[in-house]
Amino acid sequence: MVRALLLILAAVAAVPATASAPEDFLVIAHRGASGERPEHTLAAYERAIDQGADYIEPDLVATKDMRLVARHETEIGETTDVGTREDFADRKRSKTIEGRLVTGWFAEDFTLAELRSLRVRERLPGLRPANARFDGLYQIPTFEEIVTLVRAKEAETGRAIGIYPELKHPTWLLQEEGIDTVDLLATALRQADLDDADDRVFVQVFEISPLQRLNALVDTPLVLLIAVEGGPYDEPAIAWDDLLTPSGLADVAEYADGIGPYLGHVLDADGKATTLVANAHAAGLAVHPWTLRKENAFLPPILRKGGDAAAPGDLAGLVRMVVAAGADGVFTDDPALVLSALGR
C-alpha cells in the first residue's frame, strides 16, 4: 500500500500543474454541476453550462404516462420530498430492480403532473450541505425541458452545448413495468432533430441490447457504460472484464461509438494508465471515464486534503492523471474545477 501511494504521488508530480488535454477533450457535467446544485435540476444543468461544460448529462427514467424525466434512479424518495406528502403515502412499495430490493417511491408509479407537484432535494446533504440550501426550490425536469434549456443557452452564448442522456434500467423497465424507454428516447431525439451522427448528443446505457436497438433507430453516437464489477444486466453470461479485452472492445464497436468506464478501469492504483484507453482507441471507441468529484470521500487517499470527507481534495491532480491516460473526456460533478485544471 505504501508503495502504491508513493507511485500515485510520483504520477501526480510528473505532470504539469495544468493538464495539457487535446482541444476536443470533453468535460461532461455529471447530472449537471451537481457538486454545487441538487442534481438533475435545470439549475444544475444551467450552472454547468455557464461554467463552460461541453455536455450536460441527464439520467432518464419514465413516468406512468410515458414521459421521460431526469432522475438518478427510478426511486425518487432519495431526491424529492415525496416522503413528506401524505397524499402519496400509499405509493410507497418495494421492488426488486436488477436483483436488488429497493423500497420507496418510483417514478413509473406517478404521472408527470403528480411528479411536477414534488420538489427536489439534495441527494448527499452530509457531504454537500451547501446544496441542501436549495431544497424545495426545483421541480423534476422533463427531457424536452432540458433540450429547450440547452437551445436557449446556445442562443444566449453562441456556443454549442451537448446533451449526454443515460437510460436507467431500460431492460428492467420494459420487462417488469412495460415501459419501453428505448423507443421513448428514440422518438424524443427524432422530434428534437437530435438523431443524426453529427448532433452533439451521446446516448449511454449500462446494457447491450438497448444500445443495439438504438443503433438501428437513430444515428446518434452511442456509449456503453461499464461498471466496477459484474456485467450488463441484459446479458448475464457476459462479464465487464470480457468486454474490456481487445476482442470484447471490437465487439462493442459493432453497436457503439465509445465506452464510459469506471475510472478504476482507466487508472491503476499507482495512478498510471492501464491499457484500456489504447485498446479502446484501437477498436475505434472514444473513452469517457466516470466520475471526478472534488470531495475527499471520492478521491484516492494520496489526493485527499485533511481528514474531512466533505472537504475538497486535489481534484486537479486527478484531472492530470486522466488526461495523461489519453482519455477523450471525463464525467464530473465539478465542471468549473475540471475546466480550470485544463486551463480552459
Protein backbone atom coordinates (compact mmCIF):
# COMPACT_ATOMS: atom_id res chain seq x y z
CA MET A 1 0.00 0.00 0.00
CA VAL A 2 2.80 2.45 0.88
CA ARG A 3 4.49 1.73 -2.44
CA ALA A 4 1.22 2.33 -4.30
CA LEU A 5 0.70 5.68 -2.58
CA LEU A 6 4.23 6.77 -3.38
CA LEU A 7 3.72 5.84 -7.01
CA ILE A 8 0.50 7.88 -7.16
CA LEU A 9 2.34 10.85 -5.66
CA ALA A 10 5.06 10.47 -8.26
CA ALA A 11 2.47 10.27 -11.02
CA VAL A 12 0.81 13.50 -9.86
CA ALA A 13 4.14 15.30 -9.59
CA ALA A 14 5.28 14.12 -13.01
CA VAL A 15 2.60 16.01 -14.95
CA PRO A 16 2.25 19.79 -15.23
CA ALA A 17 0.03 21.80 -12.87
CA THR A 18 -2.27 22.50 -15.81
CA ALA A 19 -3.26 19.41 -17.77
CA SER A 20 -2.42 19.57 -21.48
CA ALA A 21 -5.51 17.94 -22.96
CA PRO A 22 -6.45 17.73 -26.63
CA GLU A 23 -8.69 20.54 -27.82
CA ASP A 24 -11.59 18.14 -28.21
CA PHE A 25 -11.28 16.70 -24.66
CA LEU A 26 -14.85 16.73 -23.35
CA VAL A 27 -15.93 17.95 -19.94
CA ILE A 28 -19.25 16.26 -19.23
CA ALA A 29 -21.29 17.74 -16.38
CA HIS A 30 -22.42 14.66 -14.46
CA ARG A 31 -26.08 15.31 -13.60
CA GLY A 32 -25.28 18.98 -14.15
CA ALA A 33 -22.99 20.92 -11.81
CA SER A 34 -24.14 18.54 -9.10
CA GLY A 35 -21.28 19.49 -6.80
CA GLU A 36 -22.95 22.91 -6.46
CA ARG A 37 -26.69 22.37 -7.03
CA PRO A 38 -29.08 19.46 -6.41
CA GLU A 39 -28.51 17.00 -9.22
CA HIS A 40 -30.78 16.68 -12.25
CA THR A 41 -32.37 20.09 -11.94
CA LEU A 42 -32.49 22.78 -14.60
CA ALA A 43 -30.47 24.90 -12.16
CA ALA A 44 -27.68 22.29 -12.03
CA TYR A 45 -27.63 21.97 -15.81
CA GLU A 46 -27.63 25.73 -16.38
CA ARG A 47 -24.84 26.29 -13.87
CA ALA A 48 -22.72 23.67 -15.64
CA ILE A 49 -23.38 25.32 -18.99
CA ASP A 50 -22.49 28.73 -17.61
CA GLN A 51 -19.24 27.28 -16.28
CA GLY A 52 -18.32 26.07 -19.76
CA ALA A 53 -19.15 22.35 -19.68
CA ASP A 54 -19.16 20.78 -23.13
CA TYR A 55 -22.03 18.41 -22.33
CA ILE A 56 -24.67 18.05 -19.63
CA GLU A 57 -25.70 14.57 -18.53
CA PRO A 58 -29.31 13.77 -17.59
CA ASP A 59 -30.20 10.31 -16.30
CA LEU A 60 -33.60 9.43 -17.74
CA VAL A 61 -36.43 7.43 -16.20
CA ALA A 62 -40.10 7.32 -17.24
CA THR A 63 -43.41 8.34 -15.70
CA LYS A 64 -46.59 6.30 -15.62
CA ASP A 65 -47.85 8.28 -18.59
CA MET A 66 -44.69 7.62 -20.62
CA ARG A 67 -42.79 10.87 -20.23
CA LEU A 68 -39.01 10.90 -19.88
CA VAL A 69 -37.82 12.79 -16.81
CA ALA A 70 -34.42 13.29 -15.20
CA ARG A 71 -33.70 11.34 -12.01
CA HIS A 72 -30.67 9.39 -10.85
CA GLU A 73 -32.84 6.33 -10.24
CA THR A 74 -36.44 5.29 -10.73
CA GLU A 75 -36.73 5.52 -6.91
CA ILE A 76 -37.47 9.19 -6.12
CA GLY A 77 -37.72 9.21 -2.33
CA GLU A 78 -33.99 9.88 -2.02
CA THR A 79 -34.06 13.01 -4.16
CA THR A 80 -37.50 14.58 -3.66
CA ASP A 81 -39.93 15.50 -0.88
CA VAL A 82 -42.36 12.71 -1.81
CA GLY A 83 -41.88 11.10 1.61
CA THR A 84 -43.45 14.12 3.28
CA ARG A 85 -46.57 14.00 1.11
CA GLU A 86 -49.47 12.30 2.87
CA ASP A 87 -51.39 12.06 -0.40
CA PHE A 88 -48.66 9.82 -1.80
CA ALA A 89 -48.03 7.70 1.31
CA ASP A 90 -49.83 4.73 -0.24
CA ARG A 91 -47.47 4.75 -3.24
CA LYS A 92 -44.54 3.53 -1.13
CA ARG A 93 -43.61 -0.01 -2.04
CA SER A 94 -40.74 -2.45 -2.57
CA LYS A 95 -39.42 -3.56 -5.94
CA THR A 96 -36.59 -5.84 -6.96
CA ILE A 97 -34.61 -3.86 -9.53
CA GLU A 98 -31.94 -5.83 -11.34
CA GLY A 99 -31.70 -8.22 -8.39
CA ARG A 100 -31.60 -5.52 -5.69
CA LEU A 101 -34.53 -4.95 -3.32
CA VAL A 102 -35.43 -1.25 -3.23
CA THR A 103 -38.10 0.32 -1.03
CA GLY A 104 -39.51 3.76 -1.72
CA TRP A 105 -41.46 5.71 -4.29
CA PHE A 106 -40.90 5.14 -8.00
CA ALA A 107 -41.22 7.50 -10.95
CA GLU A 108 -43.07 4.94 -13.05
CA ASP A 109 -45.90 4.87 -10.48
CA PHE A 110 -46.59 8.61 -10.91
CA THR A 111 -47.97 10.68 -13.76
CA LEU A 112 -45.94 13.64 -14.91
CA ALA A 113 -48.46 16.01 -13.32
CA GLU A 114 -48.03 14.24 -9.98
CA LEU A 115 -44.26 14.35 -10.21
CA ARG A 116 -44.40 18.06 -11.03
CA SER A 117 -46.07 18.68 -7.67
CA LEU A 118 -42.92 17.40 -5.90
CA ARG A 119 -39.78 19.37 -5.15
CA VAL A 120 -36.19 18.18 -5.44
CA ARG A 121 -33.81 17.62 -2.53
CA GLU A 122 -30.03 17.22 -2.39
CA ARG A 123 -29.08 13.52 -2.52
CA LEU A 124 -25.86 13.88 -0.46
CA PRO A 125 -26.61 16.52 2.19
CA GLY A 126 -23.97 15.16 4.56
CA LEU A 127 -21.20 15.72 2.00
CA ARG A 128 -22.78 18.71 0.27
CA PRO A 129 -24.66 20.74 2.89
CA ALA A 130 -24.42 23.89 0.76
CA ASN A 131 -26.52 22.16 -1.90
CA ALA A 132 -29.25 21.46 0.67
CA ARG A 133 -29.89 25.22 0.84
CA PHE A 134 -31.69 24.78 -2.47
CA ASP A 135 -34.01 22.01 -1.25
CA GLY A 136 -37.61 22.63 -2.19
CA LEU A 137 -36.90 25.10 -5.00
CA TYR A 138 -36.83 22.94 -8.11
CA GLN A 139 -39.08 20.54 -9.99
CA ILE A 140 -38.14 17.35 -11.77
CA PRO A 141 -37.40 18.36 -15.38
CA THR A 142 -38.58 16.55 -18.48
CA PHE A 143 -36.21 15.65 -21.28
CA GLU A 144 -37.98 18.16 -23.51
CA GLU A 145 -37.31 20.94 -20.98
CA ILE A 146 -33.63 20.01 -20.88
CA VAL A 147 -33.42 20.27 -24.66
CA THR A 148 -35.21 23.63 -24.52
CA LEU A 149 -32.75 24.88 -21.89
CA VAL A 150 -29.75 23.82 -23.97
CA ARG A 151 -31.08 25.57 -27.06
CA ALA A 152 -31.86 28.71 -25.11
CA LYS A 153 -28.32 28.76 -23.69
CA GLU A 154 -26.84 28.13 -27.14
CA ALA A 155 -28.75 31.15 -28.44
CA GLU A 156 -27.59 33.22 -25.46
CA THR A 157 -23.92 32.25 -25.59
CA GLY A 158 -23.35 31.43 -29.24
CA ARG A 159 -21.71 28.21 -28.05
CA ALA A 160 -22.62 24.64 -28.98
CA ILE A 161 -23.70 22.62 -25.95
CA GLY A 162 -24.10 18.86 -25.93
CA ILE A 163 -26.56 16.53 -24.22
CA TYR A 164 -25.40 13.14 -22.91
CA PRO A 165 -28.50 11.24 -21.67
CA GLU A 166 -28.35 7.91 -19.87
CA LEU A 167 -31.23 5.46 -19.90
CA LYS A 168 -31.64 3.94 -16.45
CA HIS A 169 -32.63 0.27 -16.22
CA PRO A 170 -34.24 0.08 -19.69
CA THR A 171 -34.48 -3.73 -19.79
CA TRP A 172 -35.97 -3.95 -16.29
CA LEU A 173 -38.49 -1.19 -17.04
CA LEU A 174 -39.58 -2.96 -20.22
CA GLN A 175 -39.82 -6.41 -18.68
CA GLU A 176 -41.34 -5.51 -15.31
CA GLU A 177 -43.24 -2.28 -15.96
CA GLY A 178 -43.99 -2.49 -19.69
CA ILE A 179 -42.30 0.86 -20.37
CA ASP A 180 -40.06 1.00 -23.44
CA THR A 181 -37.65 3.84 -22.70
CA VAL A 182 -35.54 2.96 -25.75
CA ASP A 183 -38.47 3.76 -28.01
CA LEU A 184 -39.39 6.83 -25.94
CA LEU A 185 -35.88 8.25 -26.24
CA ALA A 186 -35.51 7.45 -29.93
CA THR A 187 -38.82 9.21 -30.56
CA ALA A 188 -37.79 12.19 -28.43
CA LEU A 189 -34.48 12.52 -30.26
CA ARG A 190 -36.18 12.43 -33.64
CA GLN A 191 -38.75 15.01 -32.57
CA ALA A 192 -35.96 17.29 -31.32
CA ASP A 193 -33.93 16.71 -34.52
CA LEU A 194 -31.11 15.25 -32.44
CA ASP A 195 -30.92 11.82 -34.05
CA ASP A 196 -28.10 12.39 -36.54
CA ALA A 197 -24.48 11.30 -36.23
CA ASP A 198 -23.20 14.88 -36.19
CA ASP A 199 -25.54 16.12 -33.46
CA ARG A 200 -23.93 16.98 -30.13
CA VAL A 201 -25.53 14.03 -28.38
CA PHE A 202 -24.27 10.79 -26.88
CA VAL A 203 -26.67 8.20 -25.50
CA GLN A 204 -25.29 5.93 -22.79
CA VAL A 205 -26.54 2.71 -21.20
CA PHE A 206 -25.08 0.05 -18.90
CA GLU A 207 -26.65 -2.59 -21.15
CA ILE A 208 -26.02 -4.06 -24.60
CA SER A 209 -29.37 -4.82 -26.23
CA PRO A 210 -30.82 -1.31 -25.66
CA LEU A 211 -27.77 0.15 -27.43
CA GLN A 212 -28.17 -2.33 -30.26
CA ARG A 213 -31.80 -1.29 -30.65
CA LEU A 214 -30.89 2.39 -30.55
CA ASN A 215 -28.20 1.76 -33.15
CA ALA A 216 -30.95 0.63 -35.52
CA LEU A 217 -33.30 3.52 -34.65
CA VAL A 218 -31.07 6.62 -34.60
CA ASP A 219 -27.67 7.69 -35.89
CA THR A 220 -26.83 9.41 -32.60
CA PRO A 221 -23.45 8.32 -31.15
CA LEU A 222 -23.84 5.61 -28.51
CA VAL A 223 -21.76 4.75 -25.44
CA LEU A 224 -21.61 1.54 -23.42
CA LEU A 225 -21.19 2.31 -19.74
CA ILE A 226 -19.01 -0.12 -17.79
CA ALA A 227 -19.46 -0.66 -14.07
CA VAL A 228 -16.92 -1.55 -11.40
CA GLU A 229 -17.71 -5.26 -11.44
CA GLY A 230 -20.26 -7.77 -12.67
CA GLY A 231 -21.67 -7.41 -16.14
CA PRO A 232 -24.55 -5.95 -18.16
CA TYR A 233 -27.96 -6.82 -16.69
CA ASP A 234 -29.42 -7.81 -20.03
CA GLU A 235 -26.56 -10.23 -20.81
CA PRO A 236 -25.88 -12.21 -17.60
CA ALA A 237 -23.42 -14.54 -19.34
CA ILE A 238 -21.13 -11.62 -20.20
CA ALA A 239 -18.79 -10.01 -17.65
CA TRP A 240 -17.46 -6.47 -17.92
CA ASP A 241 -13.96 -7.95 -17.89
CA ASP A 242 -14.82 -9.82 -21.10
CA LEU A 243 -15.81 -6.56 -22.80
CA LEU A 244 -12.63 -4.79 -21.67
CA THR A 245 -10.39 -7.10 -23.70
CA PRO A 246 -9.30 -6.14 -27.25
CA SER A 247 -11.74 -8.66 -28.75
CA GLY A 248 -14.53 -7.54 -26.41
CA LEU A 249 -13.97 -3.91 -27.36
CA ALA A 250 -14.07 -4.85 -31.03
CA ASP A 251 -17.49 -6.40 -30.39
CA VAL A 252 -18.67 -3.24 -28.61
CA ALA A 253 -17.60 -1.17 -31.61
CA GLU A 254 -20.18 -3.04 -33.70
CA TYR A 255 -23.01 -1.13 -31.96
CA ALA A 256 -21.41 1.73 -30.00
CA ASP A 257 -19.09 4.65 -30.62
CA GLY A 258 -17.50 4.82 -27.21
CA ILE A 259 -17.28 3.44 -23.69
CA GLY A 260 -17.86 5.09 -20.34
CA PRO A 261 -15.75 3.01 -17.95
CA TYR A 262 -15.36 3.27 -14.20
CA LEU A 263 -12.27 5.39 -13.55
CA GLY A 264 -10.50 2.43 -11.93
CA HIS A 265 -10.50 0.67 -15.29
CA VAL A 266 -8.51 3.55 -16.80
CA LEU A 267 -6.05 4.19 -13.96
CA ASP A 268 -4.19 1.63 -11.88
CA ALA A 269 -3.73 2.02 -8.13
CA ASP A 270 -0.44 3.80 -8.86
CA GLY A 271 -2.20 6.44 -10.95
CA LYS A 272 -0.71 5.21 -14.21
CA ALA A 273 -2.74 4.39 -17.30
CA THR A 274 -3.93 0.86 -17.92
CA THR A 275 -4.05 -0.47 -21.46
CA LEU A 276 -7.80 0.20 -21.74
CA VAL A 277 -7.67 3.58 -23.46
CA ALA A 278 -5.16 2.41 -26.06
CA ASN A 279 -7.12 -0.79 -26.70
CA ALA A 280 -10.41 1.11 -26.99
CA HIS A 281 -8.88 3.62 -29.40
CA ALA A 282 -7.53 0.75 -31.48
CA ALA A 283 -11.12 -0.51 -31.74
CA GLY A 284 -12.31 2.95 -32.80
CA LEU A 285 -14.01 3.74 -29.49
CA ALA A 286 -13.88 7.00 -27.55
CA VAL A 287 -13.28 6.74 -23.79
CA HIS A 288 -15.12 8.91 -21.22
CA PRO A 289 -14.45 7.62 -17.69
CA TRP A 290 -16.61 8.45 -14.65
CA THR A 291 -16.78 10.25 -12.20
CA LEU A 292 -14.45 13.04 -10.98
CA ARG A 293 -15.64 14.72 -7.78
CA LYS A 294 -13.88 17.24 -5.56
CA GLU A 295 -14.72 15.83 -2.12
CA ASN A 296 -12.12 13.79 -0.24
CA ALA A 297 -14.65 10.97 0.08
CA PHE A 298 -14.43 10.33 -3.66
CA LEU A 299 -10.68 10.81 -4.20
CA PRO A 300 -7.74 8.39 -3.87
CA PRO A 301 -6.10 8.70 -0.42
CA ILE A 302 -2.99 10.46 -1.75
CA LEU A 303 -5.16 13.20 -3.31
CA ARG A 304 -7.15 13.94 -0.18
CA LYS A 305 -6.52 17.06 1.89
CA GLY A 306 -7.19 16.65 5.59
CA GLY A 307 -9.49 14.20 7.29
CA ASP A 308 -12.87 15.74 6.49
CA ALA A 309 -14.67 13.56 3.94
CA ALA A 310 -16.67 16.56 2.68
CA ALA A 311 -13.65 18.84 2.27
CA PRO A 312 -12.20 19.39 -1.22
CA GLY A 313 -9.08 17.47 -2.15
CA ASP A 314 -6.72 17.59 -5.13
CA LEU A 315 -9.20 17.14 -7.97
CA ALA A 316 -6.78 18.86 -10.36
CA GLY A 317 -4.26 16.09 -9.72
CA LEU A 318 -6.81 13.51 -10.76
CA VAL A 319 -7.65 15.50 -13.89
CA ARG A 320 -3.98 15.43 -14.87
CA MET A 321 -3.89 11.65 -14.44
CA VAL A 322 -6.95 11.15 -16.65
CA VAL A 323 -5.51 13.40 -19.36
CA ALA A 324 -2.16 11.60 -19.18
CA ALA A 325 -4.01 8.29 -19.62
CA GLY A 326 -5.25 9.51 -23.01
CA ALA A 327 -9.00 9.63 -22.26
CA ASP A 328 -11.19 11.63 -24.63
CA GLY A 329 -13.25 13.28 -21.93
CA VAL A 330 -14.48 12.83 -18.39
CA PHE A 331 -17.65 12.92 -16.34
CA THR A 332 -17.51 15.29 -13.39
CA ASP A 333 -19.77 16.78 -10.70
CA ASP A 334 -17.49 19.84 -10.70
CA PRO A 335 -17.06 21.11 -14.27
CA ALA A 336 -15.65 24.51 -13.23
CA LEU A 337 -12.80 22.87 -11.32
CA VAL A 338 -12.02 20.41 -14.10
CA LEU A 339 -12.05 23.17 -16.72
CA SER A 340 -9.72 25.23 -14.53
CA ALA A 341 -7.33 22.27 -14.23
CA LEU A 342 -7.39 22.00 -18.01
CA GLY A 343 -6.54 25.68 -18.37
CA ARG A 344 -9.85 26.46 -20.09
